[in-house]
Amino acid sequence: MHDEYFMKMALGLAKKGEGFTSPNPMVGAIIVKEGKVIGKGYHHAAGKAHAEVNAIDDAGALAQGATLYVTLEPCNHTGRTSPCTEKILTAGIKRVVVAMRDPNPDVKGGGIDYLKHRGISIKTGVCEEQAERLNEIFIKYVKTNRPFTIIKCAATLDGRIATRTGDSRWVTGEESRRFVHRLRHAVDAIMVGINTVEKDDPSLTTRLENSTGGLKGLDPVRIVLDTHLKIIEEAKLLQLDSDSDTIIITGPSVSEDKKAGIEQQGAKIIESPVKSGLIDLDILMDRLGALGITSLLIEGGSRVIASALSAGIVEKIFFFYAPKILGGDDGVPICKGQGADLMKNCIPVKDITVRQFGNDVMIQGYIDK
C-alpha cells in the first residue's frame, strides 16, 4: 500500500512535464526514507536532467540507503544526459520501485537488469496501468515510429459541428475550449483540412494565458491537408509569430509558383501520395513520424475526421457535446462521406470516460482496433 501511495505521488509529479518533454516520456521520481519523502523530481523537458537525477539532487546525502520510486525504468544508456543508473548507484539508493519498464525495444529491461546485478532491490509494476496511460504517446511512438493520433470535435446534441452557413463559433462553451487548448499544448502537432482553413481562418495556436496555474502553453506544429494547394497567402496561420512550424501537405502536380509564394510566408510544403483524391493518411503518418512528431491532434473538418477513422490511424477521441440542437439535417456533420452499412460494422470505442465542462459533456475513449 505504501508503494502505491508514493508511486501515485511520483505520477502526479510526472504530469507536470506534459507538453514539454517530447519526444521523451513524462517521468516523476520520489525518494523515501523511513516513511518520509526526502526528495522529489520530474523530467522538465527533453535535454534536461531526468526525474531520478532531480530527485536525488533534491535529497542530497540523505539518499544513502533510501528507496527510489520512479514512474519509468531508469535509463542505462548515454543520450543527451548520462545514465540514471549510475546516479542511483553513486547516491547509495538501496531499493528502486518502478511503475513500468521502458517500452523502447532497444533499451527495455536494461536499466532494471543493471541495477539488479549490482545488488539493488527492484520492484516493478506498481501503478503500471496508470503509468502506461500517462505515457501512451511515448509508448506508441517508440514502438511504431508513428504519431499517437487523437480526434477532437465539438458538436450539437444532434451531431452537427457547424450550421449550413459554416458557422461554428461557438458550438461549445469557454470551459471546453480551455481544455482543448490544454490538449494542444500536450501534443506535438495539430491537423486540419483546407476547408476548415477557408471557412474558419484559424490560428491553431495554444492560448492558456488565463488558465489556472498560469501555464504558458507551447504551440503545436500546424499541419494543413491541402491536396491542390488552395491556401491563400493571407491565411492567419501563415502570419503568426510562433516558435512552431506550419506544414502544408499537398498532393503531386501543384503549381511551383504557388509553392514558392507559400514558402516565402515561412511555411513548409511536403508532397505526399494521394488516395481516392485525398491525402493518404496512412502513408502520411509514417512521414510525420520520421519528422519526430510523436503525437497528432486532428481538429477537423468532417471530411478529415472521417478519413482518419477510415484509415485506421486514430487511437483516441475527445467528443464534446453542447446542450443545443441544430434542429435540421442541413448542418455540417461530425463525419462526411460514406459510413458503415450496418450497426455491427460501426467503429467501436472502449475505455469510455465522461466529463462535464460547464454545460458541455465530453466523451473520451479509445478506438477498439
Protein backbone atom coordinates (compact mmCIF):
# COMPACT_ATOMS: atom_id res chain seq x y z
CA MET A 1 0.00 0.00 0.00
CA HIS A 2 2.85 2.38 0.82
CA ASP A 3 4.45 1.63 -2.54
CA GLU A 4 1.25 2.58 -4.39
CA TYR A 5 0.89 5.76 -2.32
CA PHE A 6 4.36 7.01 -3.15
CA MET A 7 4.13 5.90 -6.80
CA LYS A 8 0.92 7.89 -7.27
CA MET A 9 2.78 10.88 -5.88
CA ALA A 10 5.52 10.30 -8.47
CA LEU A 11 2.92 10.03 -11.24
CA GLY A 12 1.48 13.38 -10.18
CA LEU A 13 4.93 14.93 -10.47
CA ALA A 14 5.47 13.36 -13.90
CA LYS A 15 2.29 15.02 -15.21
CA LYS A 16 3.90 18.43 -14.63
CA GLY A 17 6.11 17.78 -17.64
CA GLU A 18 3.18 17.38 -20.02
CA GLY A 19 3.75 19.19 -23.28
CA PHE A 20 7.41 19.92 -22.57
CA THR A 21 9.21 16.54 -22.65
CA SER A 22 8.54 15.31 -26.20
CA PRO A 23 9.99 13.16 -27.68
CA ASN A 24 10.89 11.93 -24.19
CA PRO A 25 8.33 10.47 -21.79
CA MET A 26 6.92 12.19 -18.73
CA VAL A 27 8.68 10.80 -15.65
CA GLY A 28 8.39 11.53 -11.96
CA ALA A 29 10.51 10.32 -9.03
CA ILE A 30 10.19 10.31 -5.25
CA ILE A 31 12.87 9.34 -2.72
CA VAL A 32 11.61 7.96 0.58
CA LYS A 33 13.48 7.11 3.77
CA GLU A 34 11.89 5.78 6.95
CA GLY A 35 8.44 6.55 5.54
CA LYS A 36 9.22 10.19 4.75
CA VAL A 37 9.68 11.88 1.39
CA ILE A 38 13.18 13.33 1.29
CA GLY A 39 13.49 14.12 -2.42
CA LYS A 40 11.25 14.91 -5.39
CA GLY A 41 11.89 15.42 -9.07
CA TYR A 42 10.42 15.18 -12.53
CA HIS A 43 11.66 15.45 -16.10
CA HIS A 44 11.10 19.08 -17.07
CA ALA A 45 12.00 18.99 -20.77
CA ALA A 46 13.89 17.00 -23.39
CA GLY A 47 17.62 17.51 -22.95
CA LYS A 48 17.30 18.42 -19.29
CA ALA A 49 18.03 16.22 -16.27
CA HIS A 50 15.90 13.13 -15.80
CA ALA A 51 13.47 12.74 -12.92
CA GLU A 52 15.75 10.43 -10.91
CA VAL A 53 18.63 12.89 -11.08
CA ASN A 54 16.46 15.76 -9.92
CA ALA A 55 15.04 13.72 -7.04
CA ILE A 56 18.48 12.51 -5.89
CA ASP A 57 19.88 16.02 -6.06
CA ASP A 58 16.91 17.21 -4.02
CA ALA A 59 17.56 14.56 -1.36
CA GLY A 60 21.30 15.12 -1.23
CA ALA A 61 23.27 12.96 1.22
CA LEU A 62 20.01 11.68 2.75
CA ALA A 63 19.51 9.49 -0.34
CA GLN A 64 22.00 6.97 1.11
CA GLY A 65 20.05 3.80 1.95
CA ALA A 66 16.71 5.21 0.72
CA THR A 67 14.03 3.92 -1.68
CA LEU A 68 13.54 5.49 -5.08
CA TYR A 69 10.07 5.47 -6.65
CA VAL A 70 10.17 6.19 -10.37
CA THR A 71 7.39 6.01 -12.95
CA LEU A 72 9.59 4.61 -15.75
CA GLU A 73 12.54 2.24 -15.76
CA PRO A 74 15.78 4.20 -15.16
CA CYS A 75 17.89 4.61 -18.28
CA ASN A 76 21.18 2.76 -18.60
CA HIS A 77 22.44 4.46 -21.75
CA THR A 78 24.04 7.77 -22.56
CA GLY A 79 21.98 10.13 -24.68
CA ARG A 80 21.74 13.85 -24.13
CA THR A 81 22.22 13.05 -20.43
CA SER A 82 24.30 10.46 -18.57
CA PRO A 83 22.77 7.15 -17.36
CA CYS A 84 20.42 7.44 -14.38
CA THR A 85 21.53 4.01 -13.18
CA GLU A 86 24.98 5.36 -12.34
CA LYS A 87 23.47 8.27 -10.44
CA ILE A 88 21.35 5.81 -8.42
CA LEU A 89 24.36 3.67 -7.53
CA THR A 90 26.53 6.64 -6.60
CA ALA A 91 23.79 8.04 -4.37
CA GLY A 92 23.62 4.80 -2.37
CA ILE A 93 19.97 4.05 -3.15
CA LYS A 94 19.16 0.56 -1.81
CA ARG A 95 15.73 -0.09 -3.30
CA VAL A 96 14.07 1.02 -6.54
CA VAL A 97 10.33 0.74 -7.22
CA VAL A 98 9.38 1.09 -10.90
CA ALA A 99 5.91 1.61 -12.34
CA MET A 100 6.63 0.42 -15.90
CA ARG A 101 9.53 -0.90 -17.94
CA ASP A 102 10.86 1.23 -20.77
CA PRO A 103 8.83 0.21 -23.87
CA ASN A 104 11.66 1.14 -26.23
CA PRO A 105 12.67 -2.22 -27.78
CA ASP A 106 16.31 -1.13 -27.87
CA VAL A 107 16.62 -0.47 -24.13
CA LYS A 108 13.77 -2.41 -22.47
CA GLY A 109 14.91 -4.02 -19.22
CA GLY A 110 18.48 -2.75 -19.45
CA GLY A 111 18.27 -0.35 -16.52
CA ILE A 112 16.47 -2.79 -14.24
CA ASP A 113 18.87 -5.65 -15.00
CA TYR A 114 21.89 -3.39 -14.49
CA LEU A 115 20.71 -2.33 -11.04
CA LYS A 116 19.71 -5.86 -10.02
CA HIS A 117 23.15 -7.21 -10.87
CA ARG A 118 24.68 -4.59 -8.59
CA GLY A 119 22.66 -5.55 -5.57
CA ILE A 120 19.80 -3.05 -5.76
CA SER A 121 16.41 -4.39 -4.66
CA ILE A 122 13.92 -3.91 -7.52
CA LYS A 123 10.12 -3.98 -7.59
CA THR A 124 8.24 -3.40 -10.84
CA GLY A 125 4.64 -2.99 -11.97
CA VAL A 126 3.42 -0.66 -9.20
CA CYS A 127 0.64 1.52 -10.71
CA GLU A 128 1.72 0.17 -14.09
CA GLU A 129 -1.59 0.81 -15.86
CA GLN A 130 -1.67 4.46 -14.76
CA ALA A 131 1.95 4.91 -15.86
CA GLU A 132 1.24 3.41 -19.29
CA ARG A 133 -1.81 5.64 -19.75
CA LEU A 134 0.24 8.70 -18.78
CA ASN A 135 2.84 7.90 -21.45
CA GLU A 136 0.58 6.41 -24.12
CA ILE A 137 2.03 8.83 -26.68
CA PHE A 138 5.62 7.82 -25.94
CA ILE A 139 4.76 4.11 -25.99
CA LYS A 140 3.07 4.29 -29.41
CA TYR A 141 5.88 6.33 -30.94
CA VAL A 142 8.86 4.27 -29.74
CA LYS A 143 7.17 1.05 -30.85
CA THR A 144 5.98 2.20 -34.28
CA ASN A 145 7.74 5.50 -35.11
CA ARG A 146 4.26 6.87 -35.90
CA PRO A 147 2.38 9.58 -34.00
CA PHE A 148 -0.27 8.80 -31.40
CA THR A 149 -3.34 10.29 -33.08
CA ILE A 150 -6.32 11.93 -31.38
CA ILE A 151 -9.57 13.28 -32.80
CA LYS A 152 -11.26 16.23 -31.13
CA CYS A 153 -14.61 17.57 -32.24
CA ALA A 154 -17.37 19.77 -30.81
CA ALA A 155 -20.97 19.12 -31.81
CA THR A 156 -24.58 19.88 -31.03
CA LEU A 157 -26.68 17.15 -29.45
CA ASP A 158 -27.90 16.21 -32.92
CA GLY A 159 -24.33 15.75 -34.15
CA ARG A 160 -23.55 18.91 -36.12
CA ILE A 161 -20.24 20.77 -35.91
CA ALA A 162 -21.45 23.81 -37.87
CA THR A 163 -24.61 25.27 -39.38
CA ARG A 164 -25.44 25.17 -43.08
CA THR A 165 -23.65 28.53 -43.46
CA GLY A 166 -20.47 27.07 -41.92
CA ASP A 167 -20.84 28.99 -38.65
CA SER A 168 -19.20 27.09 -35.78
CA ARG A 169 -18.40 29.85 -33.26
CA TRP A 170 -19.01 28.72 -30.77
CA VAL A 171 -20.51 25.23 -30.51
CA THR A 172 -19.20 24.65 -27.00
CA GLY A 173 -18.53 26.92 -24.05
CA GLU A 174 -15.42 28.58 -22.69
CA GLU A 175 -14.51 25.77 -20.26
CA SER A 176 -14.48 23.19 -23.05
CA ARG A 177 -12.38 25.43 -25.27
CA ARG A 178 -9.90 25.98 -22.45
CA PHE A 179 -9.50 22.19 -22.11
CA VAL A 180 -8.88 21.94 -25.86
CA HIS A 181 -6.06 24.45 -25.57
CA ARG A 182 -4.50 22.24 -22.90
CA LEU A 183 -4.76 19.38 -25.39
CA ARG A 184 -2.99 21.50 -27.99
CA HIS A 185 -0.19 22.19 -25.53
CA ALA A 186 0.17 18.47 -24.78
CA VAL A 187 0.65 17.33 -28.40
CA ASP A 188 3.37 17.87 -30.97
CA ALA A 189 1.10 18.75 -33.89
CA ILE A 190 -2.45 19.75 -34.80
CA MET A 191 -4.03 18.93 -38.17
CA VAL A 192 -6.99 20.31 -40.13
CA GLY A 193 -8.17 20.23 -43.72
CA ILE A 194 -8.08 23.12 -46.14
CA ASN A 195 -11.87 23.55 -45.92
CA THR A 196 -11.52 24.37 -42.21
CA VAL A 197 -8.85 26.93 -43.03
CA GLU A 198 -11.02 28.52 -45.73
CA LYS A 199 -14.16 28.70 -43.58
CA ASP A 200 -12.74 29.49 -40.12
CA ASP A 201 -9.31 31.03 -40.84
CA PRO A 202 -7.98 29.53 -37.57
CA SER A 203 -4.67 30.29 -35.85
CA LEU A 204 -4.25 26.74 -34.45
CA THR A 205 -2.18 28.08 -31.56
CA THR A 206 -2.27 27.36 -27.83
CA ARG A 207 -3.85 30.06 -25.70
CA LEU A 208 -3.63 29.36 -21.99
CA GLU A 209 -2.76 32.79 -20.63
CA ASN A 210 -5.90 32.94 -18.46
CA SER A 211 -5.86 29.31 -17.36
CA THR A 212 -5.45 28.27 -13.75
CA GLY A 213 -1.87 27.80 -12.66
CA GLY A 214 -0.54 30.39 -15.07
CA LEU A 215 0.77 27.78 -17.55
CA LYS A 216 2.05 29.34 -20.75
CA GLY A 217 1.39 26.66 -23.31
CA LEU A 218 3.52 25.69 -26.29
CA ASP A 219 2.15 25.96 -29.83
CA PRO A 220 1.90 22.67 -31.72
CA VAL A 221 3.18 22.27 -35.25
CA ARG A 222 0.31 23.28 -37.53
CA ILE A 223 -0.48 20.84 -40.37
CA VAL A 224 -2.95 21.55 -43.17
CA LEU A 225 -4.13 18.90 -45.62
CA ASP A 226 -4.34 20.81 -48.89
CA THR A 227 -4.19 18.40 -51.81
CA HIS A 228 -4.35 21.08 -54.51
CA LEU A 229 -2.60 23.86 -52.54
CA LYS A 230 -5.61 26.17 -52.36
CA ILE A 231 -4.49 28.03 -49.23
CA ILE A 232 -4.17 31.78 -49.67
CA GLU A 233 -1.05 33.67 -48.61
CA GLU A 234 -3.18 35.86 -46.31
CA ALA A 235 -4.36 32.91 -44.20
CA LYS A 236 -3.98 33.66 -40.49
CA LEU A 237 -1.86 30.60 -39.76
CA LEU A 238 0.70 31.86 -42.29
CA GLN A 239 1.00 35.21 -40.50
CA LEU A 240 1.72 34.01 -36.96
CA ASP A 241 4.54 34.97 -34.64
CA SER A 242 5.08 31.45 -33.33
CA ASP A 243 8.01 29.22 -32.44
CA SER A 244 6.40 26.22 -34.14
CA ASP A 245 6.20 25.38 -37.83
CA THR A 246 3.33 25.41 -40.27
CA ILE A 247 3.37 22.47 -42.70
CA ILE A 248 1.16 22.24 -45.77
CA ILE A 249 0.61 18.69 -47.06
CA THR A 250 -0.09 18.65 -50.80
CA GLY A 251 -0.60 16.09 -53.49
CA PRO A 252 1.55 15.88 -56.63
CA SER A 253 1.49 18.35 -59.53
CA VAL A 254 0.74 21.55 -57.65
CA SER A 255 1.89 24.90 -59.01
CA GLU A 256 5.57 25.60 -58.39
CA ASP A 257 4.85 29.33 -58.33
CA LYS A 258 2.17 28.83 -55.69
CA LYS A 259 4.57 26.67 -53.67
CA ALA A 260 7.20 29.38 -53.76
CA GLY A 261 4.71 32.00 -52.62
CA ILE A 262 3.56 29.94 -49.64
CA GLU A 263 7.11 29.01 -48.67
CA GLN A 264 8.03 32.70 -48.68
CA GLN A 265 5.41 33.07 -45.92
CA GLY A 266 7.53 30.73 -43.79
CA ALA A 267 5.50 27.56 -44.24
CA LYS A 268 6.96 24.21 -45.22
CA ILE A 269 5.38 22.22 -48.05
CA ILE A 270 5.50 18.43 -48.10
CA GLU A 271 4.24 16.48 -51.08
CA SER A 272 2.55 13.24 -50.11
CA PRO A 273 0.76 10.45 -52.04
CA VAL A 274 -2.97 10.74 -52.72
CA LYS A 275 -5.60 8.02 -52.42
CA SER A 276 -9.09 8.46 -53.89
CA GLY A 277 -8.40 12.14 -54.41
CA LEU A 278 -7.34 12.79 -50.81
CA ILE A 279 -4.00 12.71 -48.98
CA ASP A 280 -3.22 9.11 -48.00
CA LEU A 281 -3.23 9.47 -44.21
CA ASP A 282 -1.67 6.08 -43.53
CA ILE A 283 1.44 6.99 -45.53
CA LEU A 284 1.40 10.48 -44.03
CA MET A 285 1.68 9.07 -40.51
CA ASP A 286 4.99 7.44 -41.44
CA ARG A 287 6.26 10.73 -42.82
CA LEU A 288 5.18 12.70 -39.76
CA GLY A 289 6.82 10.12 -37.51
CA ALA A 290 10.05 10.49 -39.46
CA LEU A 291 9.89 14.23 -38.73
CA GLY A 292 9.87 13.44 -35.00
CA ILE A 293 6.18 14.20 -34.48
CA THR A 294 5.12 11.83 -31.70
CA SER A 295 1.50 12.99 -31.29
CA LEU A 296 -1.15 14.49 -33.54
CA LEU A 297 -4.45 16.19 -32.69
CA ILE A 298 -6.98 16.19 -35.53
CA GLU A 299 -9.48 19.02 -35.17
CA GLY A 300 -11.41 18.81 -38.42
CA GLY A 301 -13.21 19.18 -40.53
CA SER A 302 -15.74 16.45 -41.08
CA ARG A 303 -14.04 15.05 -44.18
CA VAL A 304 -10.67 14.80 -42.41
CA ILE A 305 -12.23 13.17 -39.34
CA ALA A 306 -14.00 10.59 -41.49
CA SER A 307 -10.83 9.92 -43.50
CA ALA A 308 -8.75 9.46 -40.36
CA LEU A 309 -11.22 6.99 -38.89
CA SER A 310 -11.47 5.12 -42.19
CA ALA A 311 -7.67 4.91 -42.46
CA GLY A 312 -7.44 3.34 -39.00
CA ILE A 313 -4.86 5.84 -37.75
CA VAL A 314 -6.81 7.09 -34.71
CA GLU A 315 -6.06 5.95 -31.15
CA LYS A 316 -8.16 8.30 -29.01
CA ILE A 317 -11.19 10.58 -29.24
CA PHE A 318 -12.50 13.63 -27.41
CA PHE A 319 -16.08 14.32 -28.48
CA PHE A 320 -17.67 17.41 -26.92
CA TYR A 321 -21.45 17.80 -26.98
CA ALA A 322 -23.09 21.14 -26.25
CA PRO A 323 -26.64 21.40 -24.84
CA LYS A 324 -28.08 22.76 -28.06
CA ILE A 325 -29.95 21.26 -31.01
CA LEU A 326 -29.46 22.48 -34.56
CA GLY A 327 -32.92 21.24 -35.44
CA GLY A 328 -32.33 20.32 -39.07
CA ASP A 329 -30.37 18.00 -41.33
CA ASP A 330 -28.62 20.75 -43.28
CA GLY A 331 -25.74 21.44 -40.88
CA VAL A 332 -22.22 20.04 -41.12
CA PRO A 333 -21.97 16.52 -39.61
CA ILE A 334 -19.08 15.23 -37.48
CA CYS A 335 -18.12 12.87 -40.30
CA LYS A 336 -18.76 13.41 -44.00
CA GLY A 337 -18.87 10.64 -46.59
CA GLN A 338 -20.00 7.05 -46.60
CA GLY A 339 -20.15 5.28 -43.24
CA ALA A 340 -20.85 1.72 -42.13
CA ASP A 341 -23.69 -0.15 -43.81
CA LEU A 342 -24.70 -1.98 -40.63
CA MET A 343 -24.56 -1.01 -36.94
CA LYS A 344 -22.39 -4.05 -36.20
CA ASN A 345 -19.78 -2.58 -38.57
CA CYS A 346 -19.51 0.75 -36.75
CA ILE A 347 -16.15 1.70 -35.23
CA PRO A 348 -16.19 0.59 -31.58
CA VAL A 349 -14.90 2.83 -28.81
CA LYS A 350 -13.69 1.44 -25.48
CA ASP A 351 -12.49 2.65 -22.07
CA ILE A 352 -15.04 5.45 -22.03
CA THR A 353 -14.90 8.29 -19.53
CA VAL A 354 -17.35 11.18 -19.34
CA ARG A 355 -16.58 14.68 -18.04
CA GLN A 356 -18.58 17.86 -17.83
CA PHE A 357 -17.20 21.30 -18.68
CA GLY A 358 -19.76 23.91 -17.74
CA ASN A 359 -22.90 22.73 -19.54
CA ASP A 360 -20.98 20.70 -22.11
CA VAL A 361 -20.38 16.96 -21.90
CA MET A 362 -17.15 15.40 -23.14
CA ILE A 363 -16.86 11.73 -24.07
CA GLN A 364 -13.30 10.42 -24.08
CA GLY A 365 -12.41 6.98 -25.31
CA TYR A 366 -10.07 4.78 -27.31
CA ILE A 367 -10.67 3.22 -30.72
CA ASP A 368 -11.00 -0.54 -30.27
CA LYS A 369 -8.76 -1.87 -33.02
